[in-house]
Amino acid sequence: MAAHTDDTVEFFTVGYAGKSVDDFIQVLRRAGVQRVVDVRELPLSRKKGFSKRGLSEVLAEHGIDYVHVRSAGNPHRSLRHDVVRCLEAYRGHLRENPAAVEEVLNALVGVRAALLCVEHDHAVCHRSVLAARLARRRNVEIVAHL
């Protein structure tokens, strides 16, 4: 139940790597996602349908809101080849930018929402760091990594 009930905020995370737009929409629909919170710094993709404009349009066609929180994106993409260093640098980014975490949290409240980034495996994606930071708060829980 990823919605704001009894002061609890529950959310999903999702990556689109390896999915077509249709497959991605089906994953969201099966989970009952009502809002996608895009946490990519630059919401561009070489994969058709996953750049900000196209994605927001197709989500809207399916009744799913789209919110982009640029400040929650990972400015350390150049470290992608070294996942440990990349995620540690992102932790520092969040410490220096607490407003980014607040903006994401505000986007999650009151709806069944999912944090979006490209990586299929959440464990190697900055969204896992952000999700863990959010879940350390009272009444905020990760439901699943889709």
N, C-alpha and C. Protein backbone atom coordinates (compact mmCIF):
# COMPACT_ATOMS: atom_id res chain seq x y z
N MET A 1 0.84 -1.17 0.00
CA MET A 1 0.00 0.00 0.00
C MET A 1 0.89 1.23 0.00
N ALA A 2 1.23 1.71 -1.14
CA ALA A 2 2.15 2.83 -1.23
C ALA A 2 1.39 4.13 -1.33
N ALA A 3 0.85 4.55 -0.24
CA ALA A 3 0.14 5.81 -0.19
C ALA A 3 0.25 6.36 1.21
N HIS A 4 -0.10 7.60 1.35
CA HIS A 4 -0.04 8.28 2.64
C HIS A 4 -1.27 7.91 3.45
N THR A 5 -1.10 7.00 4.38
CA THR A 5 -2.20 6.60 5.26
C THR A 5 -1.65 6.53 6.67
N ASP A 6 -2.43 7.03 7.61
CA ASP A 6 -2.00 7.00 9.01
C ASP A 6 -0.60 7.57 9.18
N ASP A 7 -0.31 8.64 8.47
CA ASP A 7 0.99 9.32 8.54
C ASP A 7 2.16 8.45 8.07
N THR A 8 1.89 7.40 7.34
CA THR A 8 2.95 6.58 6.78
C THR A 8 3.08 6.85 5.29
N VAL A 9 4.30 7.05 4.85
CA VAL A 9 4.58 7.23 3.43
C VAL A 9 5.31 5.98 2.97
N GLU A 10 4.68 5.27 2.04
CA GLU A 10 5.28 4.07 1.47
C GLU A 10 5.52 4.32 -0.01
N PHE A 11 6.64 3.78 -0.52
CA PHE A 11 6.96 4.02 -1.92
C PHE A 11 7.73 2.85 -2.51
N PHE A 12 7.81 2.84 -3.82
CA PHE A 12 8.56 1.86 -4.59
C PHE A 12 9.77 2.56 -5.21
N THR A 13 10.69 1.76 -5.75
CA THR A 13 11.69 2.30 -6.66
C THR A 13 11.63 1.44 -7.91
N VAL A 14 12.00 2.03 -9.04
CA VAL A 14 11.93 1.30 -10.30
C VAL A 14 13.01 1.80 -11.25
N GLY A 15 13.60 0.85 -11.98
CA GLY A 15 14.55 1.17 -13.04
C GLY A 15 13.96 0.71 -14.35
N TYR A 16 14.31 1.41 -15.42
CA TYR A 16 13.73 1.04 -16.72
C TYR A 16 14.68 0.28 -17.63
N ALA A 17 15.92 0.09 -17.24
CA ALA A 17 16.86 -0.66 -18.08
C ALA A 17 16.30 -2.04 -18.38
N GLY A 18 16.37 -2.45 -19.64
CA GLY A 18 15.89 -3.76 -20.04
C GLY A 18 14.39 -3.84 -20.25
N LYS A 19 13.70 -2.72 -20.13
CA LYS A 19 12.25 -2.72 -20.31
C LYS A 19 11.87 -1.84 -21.49
N SER A 20 10.84 -2.25 -22.20
CA SER A 20 10.24 -1.37 -23.19
C SER A 20 9.32 -0.42 -22.43
N VAL A 21 8.85 0.63 -23.10
CA VAL A 21 7.91 1.53 -22.45
C VAL A 21 6.65 0.77 -22.03
N ASP A 22 6.16 -0.10 -22.91
CA ASP A 22 4.96 -0.88 -22.57
C ASP A 22 5.19 -1.76 -21.35
N ASP A 23 6.34 -2.44 -21.30
CA ASP A 23 6.66 -3.28 -20.14
C ASP A 23 6.76 -2.43 -18.87
N PHE A 24 7.37 -1.29 -19.00
CA PHE A 24 7.54 -0.38 -17.87
C PHE A 24 6.17 0.06 -17.32
N ILE A 25 5.29 0.45 -18.22
CA ILE A 25 3.94 0.86 -17.82
C ILE A 25 3.22 -0.29 -17.12
N GLN A 26 3.37 -1.50 -17.63
CA GLN A 26 2.71 -2.66 -17.00
C GLN A 26 3.24 -2.89 -15.58
N VAL A 27 4.54 -2.73 -15.39
CA VAL A 27 5.12 -2.88 -14.05
C VAL A 27 4.49 -1.86 -13.10
N LEU A 28 4.39 -0.63 -13.56
CA LEU A 28 3.80 0.43 -12.73
C LEU A 28 2.33 0.14 -12.44
N ARG A 29 1.61 -0.27 -13.45
CA ARG A 29 0.17 -0.53 -13.27
C ARG A 29 -0.07 -1.69 -12.32
N ARG A 30 0.72 -2.76 -12.45
CA ARG A 30 0.56 -3.90 -11.54
C ARG A 30 0.78 -3.49 -10.09
N ALA A 31 1.68 -2.55 -9.88
CA ALA A 31 1.97 -2.08 -8.51
C ALA A 31 1.00 -0.98 -8.07
N GLY A 32 0.18 -0.51 -8.99
CA GLY A 32 -0.78 0.55 -8.65
C GLY A 32 -0.14 1.92 -8.49
N VAL A 33 1.00 2.13 -9.15
CA VAL A 33 1.71 3.41 -9.03
C VAL A 33 0.89 4.52 -9.67
N GLN A 34 0.76 5.62 -8.93
CA GLN A 34 0.02 6.79 -9.39
C GLN A 34 0.93 7.95 -9.77
N ARG A 35 2.16 7.91 -9.30
CA ARG A 35 3.11 8.99 -9.60
C ARG A 35 4.52 8.41 -9.73
N VAL A 36 5.21 8.85 -10.76
CA VAL A 36 6.62 8.52 -10.94
C VAL A 36 7.42 9.76 -10.56
N VAL A 37 8.37 9.58 -9.65
CA VAL A 37 9.26 10.65 -9.23
C VAL A 37 10.62 10.35 -9.84
N ASP A 38 10.94 11.07 -10.89
CA ASP A 38 12.17 10.87 -11.65
C ASP A 38 13.32 11.53 -10.90
N VAL A 39 14.28 10.72 -10.47
CA VAL A 39 15.41 11.24 -9.70
C VAL A 39 16.70 11.19 -10.52
N ARG A 40 16.56 11.30 -11.84
CA ARG A 40 17.73 11.45 -12.70
C ARG A 40 18.09 12.93 -12.76
N GLU A 41 19.36 13.24 -12.66
CA GLU A 41 19.77 14.64 -12.77
C GLU A 41 19.39 15.19 -14.14
N LEU A 42 19.72 14.44 -15.16
CA LEU A 42 19.37 14.80 -16.53
C LEU A 42 18.42 13.73 -17.06
N PRO A 43 17.15 14.03 -17.16
CA PRO A 43 16.17 13.01 -17.55
C PRO A 43 16.15 12.79 -19.07
N LEU A 44 17.30 12.41 -19.58
CA LEU A 44 17.45 12.11 -20.99
C LEU A 44 17.82 10.64 -21.12
N SER A 45 17.39 10.04 -22.21
CA SER A 45 17.71 8.64 -22.42
C SER A 45 17.88 8.36 -23.90
N ARG A 46 18.85 7.54 -24.22
CA ARG A 46 18.99 7.08 -25.61
C ARG A 46 17.91 6.05 -25.92
N LYS A 47 17.29 5.53 -24.89
CA LYS A 47 16.24 4.54 -25.05
C LYS A 47 14.92 5.25 -25.34
N LYS A 48 14.33 4.95 -26.46
CA LYS A 48 13.11 5.62 -26.91
C LYS A 48 12.01 5.55 -25.85
N GLY A 49 11.44 6.73 -25.57
CA GLY A 49 10.32 6.82 -24.66
C GLY A 49 10.68 7.10 -23.22
N PHE A 50 11.97 7.17 -22.89
CA PHE A 50 12.34 7.35 -21.49
C PHE A 50 12.98 8.70 -21.18
N SER A 51 12.98 9.62 -22.14
CA SER A 51 13.38 10.99 -21.84
C SER A 51 12.19 11.70 -21.22
N LYS A 52 12.46 12.78 -20.54
CA LYS A 52 11.45 13.47 -19.72
C LYS A 52 10.14 13.74 -20.47
N ARG A 53 10.22 14.37 -21.61
CA ARG A 53 8.99 14.76 -22.31
C ARG A 53 8.17 13.55 -22.76
N GLY A 54 8.82 12.63 -23.44
CA GLY A 54 8.11 11.44 -23.92
C GLY A 54 7.57 10.60 -22.79
N LEU A 55 8.36 10.44 -21.74
CA LEU A 55 7.94 9.63 -20.61
C LEU A 55 6.76 10.28 -19.89
N SER A 56 6.84 11.58 -19.66
CA SER A 56 5.74 12.25 -18.96
C SER A 56 4.45 12.17 -19.78
N GLU A 57 4.57 12.23 -21.10
CA GLU A 57 3.38 12.13 -21.96
C GLU A 57 2.75 10.74 -21.90
N VAL A 58 3.57 9.70 -22.00
CA VAL A 58 3.01 8.35 -21.99
C VAL A 58 2.46 8.00 -20.61
N LEU A 59 3.11 8.47 -19.56
CA LEU A 59 2.58 8.24 -18.22
C LEU A 59 1.22 8.92 -18.06
N ALA A 60 1.11 10.15 -18.54
CA ALA A 60 -0.16 10.88 -18.46
C ALA A 60 -1.27 10.13 -19.19
N GLU A 61 -0.94 9.53 -20.33
CA GLU A 61 -1.93 8.75 -21.08
C GLU A 61 -2.48 7.59 -20.25
N HIS A 62 -1.69 7.13 -19.29
CA HIS A 62 -2.08 6.01 -18.43
C HIS A 62 -2.51 6.48 -17.04
N GLY A 63 -2.72 7.78 -16.88
CA GLY A 63 -3.20 8.31 -15.61
C GLY A 63 -2.17 8.33 -14.51
N ILE A 64 -0.90 8.38 -14.88
CA ILE A 64 0.19 8.40 -13.89
C ILE A 64 0.88 9.76 -13.95
N ASP A 65 0.98 10.42 -12.79
CA ASP A 65 1.67 11.71 -12.70
C ASP A 65 3.17 11.51 -12.88
N TYR A 66 3.82 12.56 -13.33
CA TYR A 66 5.27 12.57 -13.48
C TYR A 66 5.82 13.81 -12.79
N VAL A 67 6.80 13.60 -11.92
CA VAL A 67 7.48 14.69 -11.23
C VAL A 67 8.98 14.46 -11.40
N HIS A 68 9.70 15.50 -11.83
CA HIS A 68 11.15 15.40 -11.95
C HIS A 68 11.78 16.20 -10.81
N VAL A 69 12.66 15.55 -10.05
CA VAL A 69 13.39 16.22 -8.97
C VAL A 69 14.87 16.20 -9.34
N ARG A 70 15.27 17.19 -10.11
CA ARG A 70 16.65 17.26 -10.61
C ARG A 70 17.67 17.24 -9.48
N SER A 71 17.38 17.96 -8.40
CA SER A 71 18.34 18.08 -7.30
C SER A 71 18.64 16.73 -6.63
N ALA A 72 17.78 15.74 -6.84
CA ALA A 72 18.00 14.41 -6.26
C ALA A 72 18.79 13.51 -7.21
N GLY A 73 19.11 14.03 -8.37
CA GLY A 73 19.89 13.26 -9.33
C GLY A 73 21.34 13.10 -8.88
N ASN A 74 22.04 12.19 -9.52
CA ASN A 74 23.42 11.91 -9.15
C ASN A 74 24.37 12.74 -10.01
N PRO A 75 25.00 13.76 -9.43
CA PRO A 75 25.94 14.57 -10.21
C PRO A 75 27.29 13.88 -10.42
N HIS A 76 27.43 12.65 -9.95
CA HIS A 76 28.71 11.93 -10.02
C HIS A 76 28.68 10.79 -11.04
N ARG A 77 27.99 11.00 -12.15
CA ARG A 77 27.89 9.96 -13.17
C ARG A 77 29.26 9.54 -13.71
N SER A 78 30.22 10.44 -13.65
CA SER A 78 31.56 10.10 -14.17
C SER A 78 32.20 8.97 -13.35
N LEU A 79 31.68 8.70 -12.17
CA LEU A 79 32.21 7.62 -11.33
C LEU A 79 31.45 6.31 -11.50
N ARG A 80 30.55 6.26 -12.47
CA ARG A 80 29.69 5.08 -12.65
C ARG A 80 30.46 3.76 -12.71
N HIS A 81 31.65 3.80 -13.27
CA HIS A 81 32.46 2.58 -13.41
C HIS A 81 32.89 2.02 -12.05
N ASP A 82 32.85 2.86 -11.01
CA ASP A 82 33.21 2.45 -9.66
C ASP A 82 32.00 2.69 -8.76
N VAL A 83 31.15 1.68 -8.65
CA VAL A 83 29.87 1.83 -7.96
C VAL A 83 30.06 2.28 -6.51
N VAL A 84 31.03 1.73 -5.82
CA VAL A 84 31.25 2.08 -4.41
C VAL A 84 31.56 3.57 -4.28
N ARG A 85 32.50 4.06 -5.07
CA ARG A 85 32.87 5.49 -5.01
C ARG A 85 31.71 6.37 -5.46
N CYS A 86 31.00 5.93 -6.47
CA CYS A 86 29.88 6.71 -7.01
C CYS A 86 28.79 6.88 -5.95
N LEU A 87 28.42 5.78 -5.30
CA LEU A 87 27.36 5.86 -4.30
C LEU A 87 27.81 6.64 -3.06
N GLU A 88 29.08 6.52 -2.71
CA GLU A 88 29.60 7.29 -1.57
C GLU A 88 29.58 8.79 -1.90
N ALA A 89 29.96 9.14 -3.11
CA ALA A 89 29.91 10.54 -3.53
C ALA A 89 28.47 11.04 -3.51
N TYR A 90 27.53 10.20 -3.89
CA TYR A 90 26.12 10.59 -3.88
C TYR A 90 25.63 10.80 -2.44
N ARG A 91 26.08 9.97 -1.52
CA ARG A 91 25.72 10.17 -0.11
C ARG A 91 26.16 11.57 0.34
N GLY A 92 27.36 11.97 -0.08
CA GLY A 92 27.85 13.31 0.23
C GLY A 92 26.98 14.38 -0.39
N HIS A 93 26.55 14.15 -1.62
CA HIS A 93 25.65 15.09 -2.30
C HIS A 93 24.37 15.28 -1.49
N LEU A 94 23.79 14.19 -0.98
CA LEU A 94 22.57 14.31 -0.20
C LEU A 94 22.80 15.03 1.12
N ARG A 95 23.96 14.78 1.75
CA ARG A 95 24.27 15.49 3.00
C ARG A 95 24.37 17.00 2.75
N GLU A 96 24.92 17.36 1.60
CA GLU A 96 25.09 18.78 1.26
C GLU A 96 23.81 19.41 0.73
N ASN A 97 22.84 18.59 0.36
CA ASN A 97 21.60 19.07 -0.26
C ASN A 97 20.37 18.45 0.40
N PRO A 98 20.16 18.72 1.68
CA PRO A 98 19.01 18.11 2.36
C PRO A 98 17.67 18.52 1.75
N ALA A 99 17.63 19.66 1.08
CA ALA A 99 16.37 20.09 0.45
C ALA A 99 15.96 19.13 -0.67
N ALA A 100 16.92 18.47 -1.28
CA ALA A 100 16.59 17.49 -2.34
C ALA A 100 15.79 16.33 -1.75
N VAL A 101 16.20 15.87 -0.58
CA VAL A 101 15.49 14.76 0.08
C VAL A 101 14.08 15.21 0.46
N GLU A 102 13.96 16.43 0.96
CA GLU A 102 12.64 16.96 1.32
C GLU A 102 11.74 17.09 0.10
N GLU A 103 12.30 17.53 -1.02
CA GLU A 103 11.50 17.67 -2.24
C GLU A 103 10.98 16.31 -2.71
N VAL A 104 11.83 15.30 -2.65
CA VAL A 104 11.40 13.96 -3.02
C VAL A 104 10.33 13.46 -2.06
N LEU A 105 10.55 13.62 -0.78
CA LEU A 105 9.57 13.18 0.21
C LEU A 105 8.22 13.84 -0.05
N ASN A 106 8.22 15.13 -0.31
CA ASN A 106 6.97 15.83 -0.58
C ASN A 106 6.26 15.28 -1.81
N ALA A 107 7.03 14.83 -2.80
CA ALA A 107 6.44 14.27 -4.02
C ALA A 107 5.85 12.88 -3.77
N LEU A 108 6.27 12.20 -2.70
CA LEU A 108 5.79 10.86 -2.39
C LEU A 108 4.52 10.86 -1.54
N VAL A 109 4.28 11.92 -0.84
CA VAL A 109 3.17 11.98 0.11
C VAL A 109 1.82 11.98 -0.61
N GLY A 110 0.93 11.13 -0.11
CA GLY A 110 -0.45 11.15 -0.56
C GLY A 110 -0.77 10.34 -1.81
N VAL A 111 0.23 9.71 -2.40
CA VAL A 111 -0.01 8.90 -3.60
C VAL A 111 0.84 7.64 -3.55
N ARG A 112 0.46 6.70 -4.36
CA ARG A 112 1.26 5.49 -4.55
C ARG A 112 2.34 5.87 -5.55
N ALA A 113 3.57 5.98 -5.10
CA ALA A 113 4.64 6.56 -5.93
C ALA A 113 5.84 5.63 -6.06
N ALA A 114 6.63 5.91 -7.10
CA ALA A 114 7.86 5.16 -7.34
C ALA A 114 8.97 6.10 -7.74
N LEU A 115 10.15 5.94 -7.12
CA LEU A 115 11.34 6.66 -7.54
C LEU A 115 11.87 6.00 -8.80
N LEU A 116 12.20 6.79 -9.81
CA LEU A 116 12.66 6.27 -11.10
C LEU A 116 14.09 6.65 -11.40
N CYS A 117 14.84 5.68 -11.88
CA CYS A 117 16.14 5.90 -12.52
C CYS A 117 16.33 4.81 -13.56
N VAL A 118 17.45 4.82 -14.22
CA VAL A 118 17.67 3.88 -15.32
C VAL A 118 18.04 2.47 -14.86
N GLU A 119 18.89 2.35 -13.88
CA GLU A 119 19.47 1.05 -13.52
C GLU A 119 18.41 0.01 -13.17
N HIS A 120 18.57 -1.17 -13.72
CA HIS A 120 17.67 -2.28 -13.38
C HIS A 120 17.87 -2.70 -11.93
N ASP A 121 19.12 -2.85 -11.53
CA ASP A 121 19.45 -3.31 -10.18
C ASP A 121 19.56 -2.11 -9.25
N HIS A 122 18.61 -1.97 -8.37
CA HIS A 122 18.59 -0.82 -7.47
C HIS A 122 19.86 -0.74 -6.61
N ALA A 123 20.48 -1.86 -6.33
CA ALA A 123 21.65 -1.88 -5.46
C ALA A 123 22.85 -1.14 -6.03
N VAL A 124 22.89 -0.96 -7.35
CA VAL A 124 24.00 -0.24 -7.97
C VAL A 124 23.55 1.13 -8.47
N CYS A 125 22.41 1.58 -8.00
CA CYS A 125 21.84 2.85 -8.44
C CYS A 125 21.73 3.83 -7.28
N HIS A 126 21.91 5.10 -7.58
CA HIS A 126 21.81 6.11 -6.53
C HIS A 126 20.42 6.15 -5.90
N ARG A 127 19.39 5.65 -6.61
CA ARG A 127 18.05 5.68 -6.01
C ARG A 127 17.98 4.81 -4.75
N SER A 128 18.85 3.79 -4.65
CA SER A 128 18.85 2.96 -3.44
C SER A 128 19.36 3.77 -2.24
N VAL A 129 20.34 4.63 -2.48
CA VAL A 129 20.86 5.49 -1.42
C VAL A 129 19.79 6.48 -0.98
N LEU A 130 19.13 7.08 -1.96
CA LEU A 130 18.06 8.04 -1.66
C LEU A 130 16.91 7.35 -0.93
N ALA A 131 16.52 6.17 -1.41
CA ALA A 131 15.43 5.42 -0.78
C ALA A 131 15.78 5.09 0.67
N ALA A 132 17.01 4.65 0.91
CA ALA A 132 17.43 4.33 2.28
C ALA A 132 17.43 5.57 3.16
N ARG A 133 17.85 6.69 2.60
CA ARG A 133 17.85 7.94 3.37
C ARG A 133 16.41 8.31 3.76
N LEU A 134 15.49 8.18 2.82
CA LEU A 134 14.08 8.47 3.09
C LEU A 134 13.53 7.50 4.15
N ALA A 135 13.86 6.23 4.01
CA ALA A 135 13.31 5.20 4.90
C ALA A 135 13.86 5.27 6.31
N ARG A 136 14.91 6.03 6.54
CA ARG A 136 15.43 6.21 7.90
C ARG A 136 14.52 7.11 8.73
N ARG A 137 13.63 7.79 8.05
CA ARG A 137 12.69 8.66 8.75
C ARG A 137 11.55 7.85 9.33
N ARG A 138 11.01 8.36 10.38
CA ARG A 138 9.86 7.71 11.00
C ARG A 138 8.70 7.75 10.01
N ASN A 139 7.99 6.65 9.88
CA ASN A 139 6.79 6.54 9.04
C ASN A 139 7.07 6.66 7.54
N VAL A 140 8.26 6.32 7.11
CA VAL A 140 8.56 6.27 5.67
C VAL A 140 9.15 4.91 5.39
N GLU A 141 8.56 4.18 4.41
CA GLU A 141 8.98 2.81 4.14
C GLU A 141 9.07 2.54 2.65
N ILE A 142 10.05 1.73 2.28
CA ILE A 142 10.17 1.24 0.92
C ILE A 142 9.31 -0.01 0.83
N VAL A 143 8.37 -0.05 -0.11
CA VAL A 143 7.53 -1.23 -0.29
C VAL A 143 8.29 -2.29 -1.07
N ALA A 144 8.86 -1.90 -2.21
CA ALA A 144 9.58 -2.87 -3.05
C ALA A 144 10.39 -2.12 -4.10
N HIS A 145 11.39 -2.81 -4.61
CA HIS A 145 12.17 -2.33 -5.75
C HIS A 145 11.64 -3.10 -6.95
N LEU A 146 10.94 -2.40 -7.83
CA LEU A 146 10.30 -3.05 -8.98
C LEU A 146 11.28 -3.30 -10.10
